[in-house]
Amino acid sequence: MDPLKPFDTNMQLLSKVLDLRAQKAQVISANIANAETPGYSANRFDFEKDLAQAINTSKGFQFTTSHAAHIPLGPTNFNSVTGKIVTVKDVTGIGDKNNVKVDQEMMDLSENELLYETTAQLLKKKITQLSYVISGGQ
């Protein structure tokens, strides 16, 4: 392990996912806050597909191991994933042209919160394991 990077790739990935999930929560919260604003178009924060692609491929190559007990080789380019905000335009043409559906936004927020908490718990486990190793198994 590189002494300048004490955290393994999985910990870096989990940290990146937490950051991206926090950004997604902000976008969803902004949608909910503007649910009554005339002319407001809902926004979506998309990063899942880009992150999955960054994890599964690295410069066109897919890393594999020759034995199940080998340490998996992971990509290091997931740090470049930033996500993108996509504005969803109102296509109905009726009402105040606000296309925010509060029920859907609340569902999206709940799902994102569960995934955030799961990621945080996984990162906590990794840190606990690292602490255990550092303490010499005490």
Protein backbone atom coordinates (compact mmCIF):
# COMPACT_ATOMS: atom_id res chain seq x y z
CA MET A 1 0.00 0.00 0.00
CA ASP A 2 1.27 3.46 -0.85
CA PRO A 3 2.03 5.25 2.45
CA LEU A 4 0.74 8.50 1.00
CA LYS A 5 -2.62 6.90 0.28
CA PRO A 6 -3.58 5.01 3.43
CA PHE A 7 -7.03 4.16 2.13
CA ASP A 8 -7.71 1.43 -0.37
CA THR A 9 -9.65 1.88 -3.57
CA ASN A 10 -12.91 0.69 -2.01
CA MET A 11 -12.72 3.34 0.69
CA GLN A 12 -12.04 6.01 -1.92
CA LEU A 13 -14.98 4.75 -3.98
CA LEU A 14 -17.32 4.78 -0.97
CA SER A 15 -16.22 8.31 -0.14
CA LYS A 16 -16.91 9.40 -3.73
CA VAL A 17 -20.36 7.79 -3.65
CA LEU A 18 -21.18 9.66 -0.42
CA ASP A 19 -20.24 12.95 -2.07
CA LEU A 20 -22.35 12.19 -5.15
CA ARG A 21 -25.33 11.07 -3.04
CA ALA A 22 -25.11 14.31 -1.03
CA GLN A 23 -25.22 16.31 -4.28
CA LYS A 24 -28.24 14.30 -5.44
CA ALA A 25 -30.02 15.03 -2.15
CA GLN A 26 -29.44 18.76 -2.69
CA VAL A 27 -30.95 18.65 -6.17
CA ILE A 28 -33.99 16.70 -4.96
CA SER A 29 -34.42 19.08 -2.02
CA ALA A 30 -34.33 22.05 -4.39
CA ASN A 31 -37.07 20.42 -6.46
CA ILE A 32 -39.24 19.93 -3.38
CA ALA A 33 -38.60 23.51 -2.22
CA ASN A 34 -39.73 24.82 -5.62
CA ALA A 35 -42.80 22.61 -5.97
CA GLU A 36 -45.08 25.66 -5.89
CA THR A 37 -42.89 27.95 -8.01
CA PRO A 38 -44.59 28.73 -11.32
CA GLY A 39 -42.46 27.82 -14.32
CA TYR A 40 -39.95 25.78 -12.32
CA SER A 41 -38.64 22.70 -14.11
CA ALA A 42 -37.54 19.74 -12.03
CA ASN A 43 -33.89 18.74 -12.13
CA ARG A 44 -32.33 15.29 -11.91
CA PHE A 45 -28.80 14.54 -10.77
CA ASP A 46 -27.45 11.58 -12.72
CA PHE A 47 -24.22 9.85 -11.83
CA GLU A 48 -25.03 6.14 -11.43
CA LYS A 49 -24.40 5.09 -15.04
CA ASP A 50 -21.15 7.06 -15.28
CA LEU A 51 -19.93 5.61 -11.99
CA ALA A 52 -20.84 2.05 -13.00
CA GLN A 53 -19.01 2.50 -16.29
CA ALA A 54 -15.95 3.91 -14.50
CA ILE A 55 -15.92 0.96 -12.14
CA ASN A 56 -16.36 -1.68 -14.84
CA THR A 57 -13.94 -0.30 -17.38
CA SER A 58 -10.71 1.59 -17.35
CA LYS A 59 -9.43 2.99 -20.65
CA GLY A 60 -11.28 0.34 -22.63
CA PHE A 61 -9.91 -2.61 -20.68
CA GLN A 62 -11.81 -4.72 -18.23
CA PHE A 63 -9.69 -6.06 -15.41
CA THR A 64 -10.15 -9.68 -14.40
CA THR A 65 -8.38 -12.04 -12.08
CA SER A 66 -7.34 -15.57 -12.92
CA HIS A 67 -8.33 -17.00 -9.54
CA ALA A 68 -11.17 -16.20 -7.12
CA ALA A 69 -8.71 -15.71 -4.24
CA HIS A 70 -6.73 -13.03 -6.08
CA ILE A 71 -7.11 -9.41 -5.07
CA PRO A 72 -9.41 -7.78 -7.63
CA LEU A 73 -7.95 -5.04 -9.76
CA GLY A 74 -10.14 -2.00 -9.73
CA PRO A 75 -10.20 1.13 -11.82
CA THR A 76 -8.85 4.33 -10.40
CA ASN A 77 -10.71 6.70 -12.69
CA PHE A 78 -13.98 6.77 -10.72
CA ASN A 79 -12.70 9.95 -9.06
CA SER A 80 -13.36 11.79 -12.31
CA VAL A 81 -17.11 11.08 -12.11
CA THR A 82 -18.89 14.30 -11.22
CA GLY A 83 -22.46 13.61 -12.25
CA LYS A 84 -24.63 15.92 -14.27
CA ILE A 85 -27.78 17.90 -13.62
CA VAL A 86 -30.47 17.33 -16.21
CA THR A 87 -33.48 19.64 -16.39
CA VAL A 88 -36.78 17.91 -17.09
CA LYS A 89 -38.96 20.19 -19.20
CA ASP A 90 -42.73 20.35 -18.75
CA VAL A 91 -44.33 18.80 -21.81
CA THR A 92 -47.95 18.96 -20.69
CA GLY A 93 -48.37 22.63 -21.54
CA ILE A 94 -51.09 23.05 -18.93
CA GLY A 95 -51.10 24.80 -15.58
CA ASP A 96 -48.21 26.88 -14.32
CA LYS A 97 -45.57 24.82 -16.19
CA ASN A 98 -44.17 23.45 -12.94
CA ASN A 99 -43.50 19.74 -13.42
CA VAL A 100 -42.39 18.87 -9.88
CA LYS A 101 -44.29 15.87 -8.49
CA VAL A 102 -43.77 16.07 -4.74
CA ASP A 103 -44.70 12.40 -4.18
CA GLN A 104 -42.09 11.24 -6.69
CA GLU A 105 -39.48 13.62 -5.28
CA MET A 106 -40.10 12.30 -1.76
CA MET A 107 -39.70 8.73 -3.02
CA ASP A 108 -36.45 9.69 -4.77
CA LEU A 109 -35.22 11.43 -1.63
CA SER A 110 -36.03 8.39 0.53
CA GLU A 111 -34.27 6.03 -1.87
CA ASN A 112 -31.23 8.29 -2.03
CA GLU A 113 -31.15 8.55 1.77
CA LEU A 114 -31.23 4.76 2.16
CA LEU A 115 -28.40 4.36 -0.33
CA TYR A 116 -26.43 7.12 1.40
CA GLU A 117 -26.84 5.46 4.80
CA THR A 118 -25.86 2.07 3.38
CA THR A 119 -22.73 3.57 1.83
CA ALA A 120 -21.89 5.33 5.10
CA GLN A 121 -22.23 2.06 7.01
CA LEU A 122 -19.96 0.26 4.53
CA LEU A 123 -17.36 3.00 4.88
CA LYS A 124 -17.65 2.81 8.67
CA LYS A 125 -16.99 -0.95 8.51
CA LYS A 126 -13.90 -0.39 6.37
CA ILE A 127 -12.59 2.21 8.82
CA THR A 128 -13.29 -0.14 11.74
CA GLN A 129 -11.33 -2.88 9.99
CA LEU A 130 -8.45 -0.50 9.34
CA SER A 131 -8.49 0.60 12.99
CA TYR A 132 -8.45 -3.03 14.10
CA VAL A 133 -5.41 -3.75 11.93
CA ILE A 134 -3.59 -0.63 13.13
CA SER A 135 -4.20 -1.52 16.77
CA GLY A 136 -2.64 -4.92 16.17
CA GLY A 137 -5.84 -6.89 16.54
CA GLN A 138 -6.62 -5.56 19.99
